[in-house]
Amino acid sequence: MANTASARKRIRQIKVRTERNAARKSRMRTFVKKVETAIASGNHAAANEALREAQPEMQRAAGKGVIHRNTVARRLSRLTARIKALATA
């Protein structure tokens, strides 16, 4: 266990940050799930709207360091491609 005051403080800080990051990641996943659902239903307009709402949430998570920025870019690119394929299909 932590012996110094600074170590105890670090434990408190890590606990708060872990909870905050978990909440951010969960929120991001929820928005992505809404996009996935809209794509599965085949509704192009709803999928587009869901992606428009999910994008800032995903980029915010990347900005906070919860998820890597390249991962966010890759996921957004793939979601956009799938929505675009809906329009042509």
PDB file of N, CA and C in Angstrom:
ATOM      1  N   MET A   1       0.846  -1.191   0.000  1.00  0.00           N
ATOM      2  CA  MET A   1       0.000   0.000   0.000  1.00  0.00           C
ATOM      3  C   MET A   1       0.881   1.239   0.000  1.00  0.00           C
ATOM      4  N   ALA A   2       0.287   2.365  -0.354  1.00  0.00           N
ATOM      5  CA  ALA A   2       1.027   3.619  -0.456  1.00  0.00           C
ATOM      6  C   ALA A   2       1.518   4.070   0.915  1.00  0.00           C
ATOM      7  N   ASN A   3       2.786   4.426   0.973  1.00  0.00           N
ATOM      8  CA  ASN A   3       3.383   4.843   2.235  1.00  0.00           C
ATOM      9  C   ASN A   3       3.492   6.351   2.381  1.00  0.00           C
ATOM     10  N   THR A   4       3.569   7.055   1.269  1.00  0.00           N
ATOM     11  CA  THR A   4       3.759   8.501   1.351  1.00  0.00           C
ATOM     12  C   THR A   4       2.470   9.227   0.992  1.00  0.00           C
ATOM     13  N   ALA A   5       2.418  10.476   1.405  1.00  0.00           N
ATOM     14  CA  ALA A   5       1.239  11.292   1.120  1.00  0.00           C
ATOM     15  C   ALA A   5       1.074  11.485  -0.386  1.00  0.00           C
ATOM     16  N   SER A   6       2.189  11.655  -1.080  1.00  0.00           N
ATOM     17  CA  SER A   6       2.118  11.872  -2.528  1.00  0.00           C
ATOM     18  C   SER A   6       1.599  10.622  -3.242  1.00  0.00           C
ATOM     19  N   ALA A   7       1.984   9.450  -2.751  1.00  0.00           N
ATOM     20  CA  ALA A   7       1.511   8.199  -3.356  1.00  0.00           C
ATOM     21  C   ALA A   7       0.015   8.021  -3.121  1.00  0.00           C
ATOM     22  N   ARG A   8      -0.436   8.391  -1.909  1.00  0.00           N
ATOM     23  CA  ARG A   8      -1.874   8.299  -1.620  1.00  0.00           C
ATOM     24  C   ARG A   8      -2.662   9.253  -2.507  1.00  0.00           C
ATOM     25  N   LYS A   9      -2.103  10.442  -2.730  1.00  0.00           N
ATOM     26  CA  LYS A   9      -2.761  11.420  -3.601  1.00  0.00           C
ATOM     27  C   LYS A   9      -2.827  10.892  -5.040  1.00  0.00           C
ATOM     28  N   ARG A  10      -1.752  10.284  -5.517  1.00  0.00           N
ATOM     29  CA  ARG A  10      -1.734   9.736  -6.866  1.00  0.00           C
ATOM     30  C   ARG A  10      -2.814   8.663  -7.017  1.00  0.00           C
ATOM     31  N   ILE A  11      -3.000   7.844  -6.001  1.00  0.00           N
ATOM     32  CA  ILE A  11      -4.034   6.806  -6.038  1.00  0.00           C
ATOM     33  C   ILE A  11      -5.411   7.433  -6.178  1.00  0.00           C
ATOM     34  N   ARG A  12      -5.654   8.515  -5.419  1.00  0.00           N
ATOM     35  CA  ARG A  12      -6.940   9.215  -5.517  1.00  0.00           C
ATOM     36  C   ARG A  12      -7.136   9.793  -6.923  1.00  0.00           C
ATOM     37  N   GLN A  13      -6.073  10.397  -7.465  1.00  0.00           N
ATOM     38  CA  GLN A  13      -6.162  11.002  -8.791  1.00  0.00           C
ATOM     39  C   GLN A  13      -6.423   9.944  -9.864  1.00  0.00           C
ATOM     40  N   ILE A  14      -5.725   8.831  -9.767  1.00  0.00           N
ATOM     41  CA  ILE A  14      -5.893   7.754 -10.745  1.00  0.00           C
ATOM     42  C   ILE A  14      -7.321   7.221 -10.703  1.00  0.00           C
ATOM     43  N   LYS A  15      -7.879   7.096  -9.511  1.00  0.00           N
ATOM     44  CA  LYS A  15      -9.244   6.586  -9.371  1.00  0.00           C
ATOM     45  C   LYS A  15     -10.238   7.507 -10.080  1.00  0.00           C
ATOM     46  N   VAL A  16     -10.099   8.804  -9.861  1.00  0.00           N
ATOM     47  CA  VAL A  16     -11.003   9.788 -10.478  1.00  0.00           C
ATOM     48  C   VAL A  16     -10.853   9.756 -11.996  1.00  0.00           C
ATOM     49  N   ARG A  17      -9.614   9.744 -12.474  1.00  0.00           N
ATOM     50  CA  ARG A  17      -9.371   9.760 -13.919  1.00  0.00           C
ATOM     51  C   ARG A  17      -9.866   8.484 -14.592  1.00  0.00           C
ATOM     52  N   THR A  18      -9.695   7.345 -13.913  1.00  0.00           N
ATOM     53  CA  THR A  18     -10.151   6.076 -14.476  1.00  0.00           C
ATOM     54  C   THR A  18     -11.660   6.078 -14.649  1.00  0.00           C
ATOM     55  N   GLU A  19     -12.377   6.569 -13.642  1.00  0.00           N
ATOM     56  CA  GLU A  19     -13.840   6.648 -13.726  1.00  0.00           C
ATOM     57  C   GLU A  19     -14.272   7.588 -14.853  1.00  0.00           C
ATOM     58  N   ARG A  20     -13.602   8.716 -14.957  1.00  0.00           N
ATOM     59  CA  ARG A  20     -13.932   9.704 -15.981  1.00  0.00           C
ATOM     60  C   ARG A  20     -13.677   9.141 -17.374  1.00  0.00           C
ATOM     61  N   ASN A  21     -12.540   8.474 -17.543  1.00  0.00           N
ATOM     62  CA  ASN A  21     -12.202   7.895 -18.848  1.00  0.00           C
ATOM     63  C   ASN A  21     -13.164   6.780 -19.223  1.00  0.00           C
ATOM     64  N   ALA A  22     -13.565   5.973 -18.238  1.00  0.00           N
ATOM     65  CA  ALA A  22     -14.513   4.889 -18.506  1.00  0.00           C
ATOM     66  C   ALA A  22     -15.846   5.464 -18.960  1.00  0.00           C
ATOM     67  N   ALA A  23     -16.270   6.552 -18.340  1.00  0.00           N
ATOM     68  CA  ALA A  23     -17.528   7.196 -18.719  1.00  0.00           C
ATOM     69  C   ALA A  23     -17.437   7.753 -20.138  1.00  0.00           C
ATOM     70  N   ARG A  24     -16.306   8.365 -20.472  1.00  0.00           N
ATOM     71  CA  ARG A  24     -16.115   8.914 -21.815  1.00  0.00           C
ATOM     72  C   ARG A  24     -16.132   7.812 -22.870  1.00  0.00           C
ATOM     73  N   LYS A  25     -15.441   6.708 -22.567  1.00  0.00           N
ATOM     74  CA  LYS A  25     -15.374   5.600 -23.515  1.00  0.00           C
ATOM     75  C   LYS A  25     -16.753   4.974 -23.699  1.00  0.00           C
ATOM     76  N   SER A  26     -17.495   4.844 -22.607  1.00  0.00           N
ATOM     77  CA  SER A  26     -18.841   4.274 -22.665  1.00  0.00           C
ATOM     78  C   SER A  26     -19.758   5.164 -23.492  1.00  0.00           C
ATOM     79  N   ARG A  27     -19.668   6.463 -23.273  1.00  0.00           N
ATOM     80  CA  ARG A  27     -20.486   7.427 -24.022  1.00  0.00           C
ATOM     81  C   ARG A  27     -20.169   7.339 -25.519  1.00  0.00           C
ATOM     82  N   MET A  28     -18.898   7.230 -25.841  1.00  0.00           N
ATOM     83  CA  MET A  28     -18.480   7.124 -27.233  1.00  0.00           C
ATOM     84  C   MET A  28     -19.046   5.844 -27.861  1.00  0.00           C
ATOM     85  N   ARG A  29     -18.943   4.742 -27.144  1.00  0.00           N
ATOM     86  CA  ARG A  29     -19.459   3.463 -27.648  1.00  0.00           C
ATOM     87  C   ARG A  29     -20.961   3.531 -27.890  1.00  0.00           C
ATOM     88  N   THR A  30     -21.684   4.220 -27.020  1.00  0.00           N
ATOM     89  CA  THR A  30     -23.133   4.358 -27.177  1.00  0.00           C
ATOM     90  C   THR A  30     -23.458   5.078 -28.470  1.00  0.00           C
ATOM     91  N   PHE A  31     -22.739   6.158 -28.756  1.00  0.00           N
ATOM     92  CA  PHE A  31     -22.975   6.911 -29.986  1.00  0.00           C
ATOM     93  C   PHE A  31     -22.647   6.068 -31.216  1.00  0.00           C
ATOM     94  N   VAL A  32     -21.566   5.292 -31.144  1.00  0.00           N
ATOM     95  CA  VAL A  32     -21.181   4.439 -32.263  1.00  0.00           C
ATOM     96  C   VAL A  32     -22.238   3.354 -32.469  1.00  0.00           C
ATOM     97  N   LYS A  33     -22.772   2.841 -31.381  1.00  0.00           N
ATOM     98  CA  LYS A  33     -23.801   1.803 -31.461  1.00  0.00           C
ATOM     99  C   LYS A  33     -25.051   2.334 -32.167  1.00  0.00           C
ATOM    100  N   LYS A  34     -25.381   3.610 -31.931  1.00  0.00           N
ATOM    101  CA  LYS A  34     -26.534   4.215 -32.604  1.00  0.00           C
ATOM    102  C   LYS A  34     -26.296   4.268 -34.109  1.00  0.00           C
ATOM    103  N   VAL A  35     -25.067   4.558 -34.507  1.00  0.00           N
ATOM    104  CA  VAL A  35     -24.739   4.588 -35.932  1.00  0.00           C
ATOM    105  C   VAL A  35     -24.867   3.178 -36.509  1.00  0.00           C
ATOM    106  N   GLU A  36     -24.315   2.198 -35.801  1.00  0.00           N
ATOM    107  CA  GLU A  36     -24.373   0.804 -36.248  1.00  0.00           C
ATOM    108  C   GLU A  36     -25.821   0.345 -36.421  1.00  0.00           C
ATOM    109  N   THR A  37     -26.674   0.711 -35.486  1.00  0.00           N
ATOM    110  CA  THR A  37     -28.087   0.334 -35.544  1.00  0.00           C
ATOM    111  C   THR A  37     -28.767   0.954 -36.762  1.00  0.00           C
ATOM    112  N   ALA A  38     -28.473   2.216 -37.010  1.00  0.00           N
ATOM    113  CA  ALA A  38     -29.066   2.904 -38.154  1.00  0.00           C
ATOM    114  C   ALA A  38     -28.591   2.288 -39.469  1.00  0.00           C
ATOM    115  N   ILE A  39     -27.326   1.898 -39.523  1.00  0.00           N
ATOM    116  CA  ILE A  39     -26.791   1.257 -40.727  1.00  0.00           C
ATOM    117  C   ILE A  39     -27.477  -0.093 -40.938  1.00  0.00           C
ATOM    118  N   ALA A  40     -27.628  -0.848 -39.852  1.00  0.00           N
ATOM    119  CA  ALA A  40     -28.261  -2.167 -39.935  1.00  0.00           C
ATOM    120  C   ALA A  40     -29.710  -2.070 -40.401  1.00  0.00           C
ATOM    121  N   SER A  41     -30.389  -0.999 -40.012  1.00  0.00           N
ATOM    122  CA  SER A  41     -31.780  -0.817 -40.422  1.00  0.00           C
ATOM    123  C   SER A  41     -31.886  -0.377 -41.877  1.00  0.00           C
ATOM    124  N   GLY A  42     -30.767   0.094 -42.436  1.00  0.00           N
ATOM    125  CA  GLY A  42     -30.748   0.505 -43.829  1.00  0.00           C
ATOM    126  C   GLY A  42     -31.236   1.924 -44.062  1.00  0.00           C
ATOM    127  N   ASN A  43     -31.411   2.671 -42.985  1.00  0.00           N
ATOM    128  CA  ASN A  43     -31.898   4.048 -43.085  1.00  0.00           C
ATOM    129  C   ASN A  43     -30.708   4.996 -43.258  1.00  0.00           C
ATOM    130  N   HIS A  44     -30.514   5.474 -44.486  1.00  0.00           N
ATOM    131  CA  HIS A  44     -29.356   6.322 -44.801  1.00  0.00           C
ATOM    132  C   HIS A  44     -29.398   7.646 -44.052  1.00  0.00           C
ATOM    133  N   ALA A  45     -30.560   8.284 -44.003  1.00  0.00           N
ATOM    134  CA  ALA A  45     -30.681   9.593 -43.342  1.00  0.00           C
ATOM    135  C   ALA A  45     -30.405   9.480 -41.845  1.00  0.00           C
ATOM    136  N   ALA A  46     -30.973   8.461 -41.218  1.00  0.00           N
ATOM    137  CA  ALA A  46     -30.762   8.263 -39.776  1.00  0.00           C
ATOM    138  C   ALA A  46     -29.313   7.928 -39.476  1.00  0.00           C
ATOM    139  N   ALA A  47     -28.695   7.133 -40.330  1.00  0.00           N
ATOM    140  CA  ALA A  47     -27.292   6.763 -40.140  1.00  0.00           C
ATOM    141  C   ALA A  47     -26.399   7.992 -40.268  1.00  0.00           C
ATOM    142  N   ASN A  48     -26.715   8.829 -41.243  1.00  0.00           N
ATOM    143  CA  ASN A  48     -25.938  10.056 -41.445  1.00  0.00           C
ATOM    144  C   ASN A  48     -26.047  10.976 -40.228  1.00  0.00           C
ATOM    145  N   GLU A  49     -27.258  11.125 -39.724  1.00  0.00           N
ATOM    146  CA  GLU A  49     -27.499  11.972 -38.552  1.00  0.00           C
ATOM    147  C   GLU A  49     -26.782  11.414 -37.317  1.00  0.00           C
ATOM    148  N   ALA A  50     -26.859  10.095 -37.140  1.00  0.00           N
ATOM    149  CA  ALA A  50     -26.203   9.454 -35.987  1.00  0.00           C
ATOM    150  C   ALA A  50     -24.691   9.631 -36.066  1.00  0.00           C
ATOM    151  N   LEU A  51     -24.136   9.530 -37.269  1.00  0.00           N
ATOM    152  CA  LEU A  51     -22.693   9.715 -37.433  1.00  0.00           C
ATOM    153  C   LEU A  51     -22.306  11.162 -37.134  1.00  0.00           C
ATOM    154  N   ARG A  52     -23.145  12.097 -37.551  1.00  0.00           N
ATOM    155  CA  ARG A  52     -22.882  13.519 -37.299  1.00  0.00           C
ATOM    156  C   ARG A  52     -22.841  13.807 -35.798  1.00  0.00           C
ATOM    157  N   GLU A  53     -23.654  13.079 -35.026  1.00  0.00           N
ATOM    158  CA  GLU A  53     -23.653  13.242 -33.568  1.00  0.00           C
ATOM    159  C   GLU A  53     -22.496  12.490 -32.920  1.00  0.00           C
ATOM    160  N   ALA A  54     -22.103  11.361 -33.502  1.00  0.00           N
ATOM    161  CA  ALA A  54     -21.054  10.524 -32.914  1.00  0.00           C
ATOM    162  C   ALA A  54     -19.658  11.096 -33.133  1.00  0.00           C
ATOM    163  N   GLN A  55     -19.471  11.757 -34.251  1.00  0.00           N
ATOM    164  CA  GLN A  55     -18.138  12.235 -34.619  1.00  0.00           C
ATOM    165  C   GLN A  55     -17.495  13.140 -33.567  1.00  0.00           C
ATOM    166  N   PRO A  56     -18.170  14.193 -33.091  1.00  0.00           N
ATOM    167  CA  PRO A  56     -17.512  15.032 -32.085  1.00  0.00           C
ATOM    168  C   PRO A  56     -17.242  14.288 -30.778  1.00  0.00           C
ATOM    169  N   GLU A  57     -18.117  13.345 -30.452  1.00  0.00           N
ATOM    170  CA  GLU A  57     -17.930  12.571 -29.218  1.00  0.00           C
ATOM    171  C   GLU A  57     -16.677  11.700 -29.325  1.00  0.00           C
ATOM    172  N   MET A  58     -16.484  11.097 -30.485  1.00  0.00           N
ATOM    173  CA  MET A  58     -15.303  10.257 -30.702  1.00  0.00           C
ATOM    174  C   MET A  58     -14.031  11.105 -30.702  1.00  0.00           C
ATOM    175  N   GLN A  59     -14.090  12.260 -31.344  1.00  0.00           N
ATOM    176  CA  GLN A  59     -12.914  13.115 -31.405  1.00  0.00           C
ATOM    177  C   GLN A  59     -12.588  13.729 -30.043  1.00  0.00           C
ATOM    178  N   ARG A  60     -13.611  13.956 -29.248  1.00  0.00           N
ATOM    179  CA  ARG A  60     -13.387  14.457 -27.890  1.00  0.00           C
ATOM    180  C   ARG A  60     -12.648  13.392 -27.067  1.00  0.00           C
ATOM    181  N   ALA A  61     -13.047  12.139 -27.230  1.00  0.00           N
ATOM    182  CA  ALA A  61     -12.371  11.047 -26.516  1.00  0.00           C
ATOM    183  C   ALA A  61     -10.905  10.972 -26.939  1.00  0.00           C
ATOM    184  N   ALA A  62     -10.648  11.173 -28.217  1.00  0.00           N
ATOM    185  CA  ALA A  62      -9.267  11.150 -28.707  1.00  0.00           C
ATOM    186  C   ALA A  62      -8.481  12.334 -28.140  1.00  0.00           C
ATOM    187  N   GLY A  63      -9.121  13.476 -28.085  1.00  0.00           N
ATOM    188  CA  GLY A  63      -8.464  14.668 -27.554  1.00  0.00           C
ATOM    189  C   GLY A  63      -8.107  14.541 -26.086  1.00  0.00           C
ATOM    190  N   LYS A  64      -8.921  13.792 -25.356  1.00  0.00           N
ATOM    191  CA  LYS A  64      -8.668  13.591 -23.932  1.00  0.00           C
ATOM    192  C   LYS A  64      -7.705  12.439 -23.679  1.00  0.00           C
ATOM    193  N   GLY A  65      -7.330  11.732 -24.743  1.00  0.00           N
ATOM    194  CA  GLY A  65      -6.369  10.641 -24.587  1.00  0.00           C
ATOM    195  C   GLY A  65      -6.996   9.326 -24.175  1.00  0.00           C
ATOM    196  N   VAL A  66      -8.310   9.222 -24.250  1.00  0.00           N
ATOM    197  CA  VAL A  66      -8.987   7.986 -23.859  1.00  0.00           C
ATOM    198  C   VAL A  66      -8.755   6.915 -24.919  1.00  0.00           C
ATOM    199  N   ILE A  67      -8.723   7.347 -26.176  1.00  0.00           N
ATOM    200  CA  ILE A  67      -8.515   6.438 -27.299  1.00  0.00           C
ATOM    201  C   ILE A  67      -7.591   7.150 -28.282  1.00  0.00           C
ATOM    202  N   HIS A  68      -6.780   6.388 -29.002  1.00  0.00           N
ATOM    203  CA  HIS A  68      -5.795   6.998 -29.900  1.00  0.00           C
ATOM    204  C   HIS A  68      -6.478   7.703 -31.067  1.00  0.00           C
ATOM    205  N   ARG A  69      -5.920   8.814 -31.491  1.00  0.00           N
ATOM    206  CA  ARG A  69      -6.548   9.611 -32.544  1.00  0.00           C
ATOM    207  C   ARG A  69      -6.617   8.859 -33.869  1.00  0.00           C
ATOM    208  N   ASN A  70      -5.627   8.017 -34.152  1.00  0.00           N
ATOM    209  CA  ASN A  70      -5.658   7.241 -35.393  1.00  0.00           C
ATOM    210  C   ASN A  70      -6.769   6.193 -35.356  1.00  0.00           C
ATOM    211  N   THR A  71      -7.049   5.664 -34.184  1.00  0.00           N
ATOM    212  CA  THR A  71      -8.137   4.702 -34.030  1.00  0.00           C
ATOM    213  C   THR A  71      -9.465   5.375 -34.331  1.00  0.00           C
ATOM    214  N   VAL A  72      -9.633   6.583 -33.832  1.00  0.00           N
ATOM    215  CA  VAL A  72     -10.858   7.338 -34.089  1.00  0.00           C
ATOM    216  C   VAL A  72     -10.981   7.627 -35.581  1.00  0.00           C
ATOM    217  N   ALA A  73      -9.888   8.039 -36.210  1.00  0.00           N
ATOM    218  CA  ALA A  73      -9.907   8.343 -37.642  1.00  0.00           C
ATOM    219  C   ALA A  73     -10.289   7.103 -38.445  1.00  0.00           C
ATOM    220  N   ARG A  74      -9.730   5.967 -38.079  1.00  0.00           N
ATOM    221  CA  ARG A  74     -10.023   4.721 -38.790  1.00  0.00           C
ATOM    222  C   ARG A  74     -11.485   4.338 -38.636  1.00  0.00           C
ATOM    223  N   ARG A  75     -12.006   4.420 -37.418  1.00  0.00           N
ATOM    224  CA  ARG A  75     -13.403   4.048 -37.174  1.00  0.00           C
ATOM    225  C   ARG A  75     -14.368   4.983 -37.894  1.00  0.00           C
ATOM    226  N   LEU A  76     -14.079   6.279 -37.866  1.00  0.00           N
ATOM    227  CA  LEU A  76     -14.932   7.237 -38.571  1.00  0.00           C
ATOM    228  C   LEU A  76     -14.920   6.971 -40.072  1.00  0.00           C
ATOM    229  N   SER A  77     -13.744   6.670 -40.595  1.00  0.00           N
ATOM    230  CA  SER A  77     -13.608   6.398 -42.017  1.00  0.00           C
ATOM    231  C   SER A  77     -14.424   5.175 -42.412  1.00  0.00           C
ATOM    232  N   ARG A  78     -14.356   4.133 -41.614  1.00  0.00           N
ATOM    233  CA  ARG A  78     -15.083   2.902 -41.925  1.00  0.00           C
ATOM    234  C   ARG A  78     -16.588   3.090 -41.807  1.00  0.00           C
ATOM    235  N   LEU A  79     -17.016   3.836 -40.785  1.00  0.00           N
ATOM    236  CA  LEU A  79     -18.447   4.105 -40.637  1.00  0.00           C
ATOM    237  C   LEU A  79     -18.960   4.941 -41.811  1.00  0.00           C
ATOM    238  N   THR A  80     -18.179   5.940 -42.199  1.00  0.00           N
ATOM    239  CA  THR A  80     -18.570   6.796 -43.315  1.00  0.00           C
ATOM    240  C   THR A  80     -18.683   5.985 -44.600  1.00  0.00           C
ATOM    241  N   ALA A  81     -17.743   5.082 -44.819  1.00  0.00           N
ATOM    242  CA  ALA A  81     -17.767   4.243 -46.017  1.00  0.00           C
ATOM    243  C   ALA A  81     -18.998   3.349 -46.029  1.00  0.00           C
ATOM    244  N   ARG A  82     -19.358   2.813 -44.869  1.00  0.00           N
ATOM    245  CA  ARG A  82     -20.538   1.946 -44.795  1.00  0.00           C
ATOM    246  C   ARG A  82     -21.820   2.732 -45.054  1.00  0.00           C
ATOM    247  N   ILE A  83     -21.880   3.960 -44.556  1.00  0.00           N
ATOM    248  CA  ILE A  83     -23.063   4.807 -44.787  1.00  0.00           C
ATOM    249  C   ILE A  83     -23.132   5.183 -46.263  1.00  0.00           C
ATOM    250  N   LYS A  84     -21.994   5.476 -46.843  1.00  0.00           N
ATOM    251  CA  LYS A  84     -21.958   5.822 -48.263  1.00  0.00           C
ATOM    252  C   LYS A  84     -22.427   4.643 -49.119  1.00  0.00           C
ATOM    253  N   ALA A  85     -22.061   3.438 -48.711  1.00  0.00           N
ATOM    254  CA  ALA A  85     -22.472   2.234 -49.441  1.00  0.00           C
ATOM    255  C   ALA A  85     -23.983   2.031 -49.350  1.00  0.00           C
ATOM    256  N   LEU A  86     -24.592   2.500 -48.263  1.00  0.00           N
ATOM    257  CA  LEU A  86     -26.044   2.406 -48.126  1.00  0.00           C
ATOM    258  C   LEU A  86     -26.752   3.201 -49.222  1.00  0.00           C
ATOM    259  N   ALA A  87     -26.212   4.370 -49.521  1.00  0.00           N
ATOM    260  CA  ALA A  87     -26.841   5.263 -50.491  1.00  0.00           C
ATOM    261  C   ALA A  87     -26.810   4.650 -51.884  1.00  0.00           C
ATOM    262  N   THR A  88     -25.729   3.961 -52.218  1.00  0.00           N
ATOM    263  CA  THR A  88     -25.604   3.378 -53.555  1.00  0.00           C
ATOM    264  C   THR A  88     -26.343   2.056 -53.682  1.00  0.00           C
ATOM    265  N   ALA A  89     -26.545   1.383 -52.559  1.00  0.00           N
ATOM    266  CA  ALA A  89     -27.194   0.057 -52.605  1.00  0.00           C
ATOM    267  C   ALA A  89     -28.696   0.152 -52.806  1.00  0.00           C
TER     268      ALA A  89
END
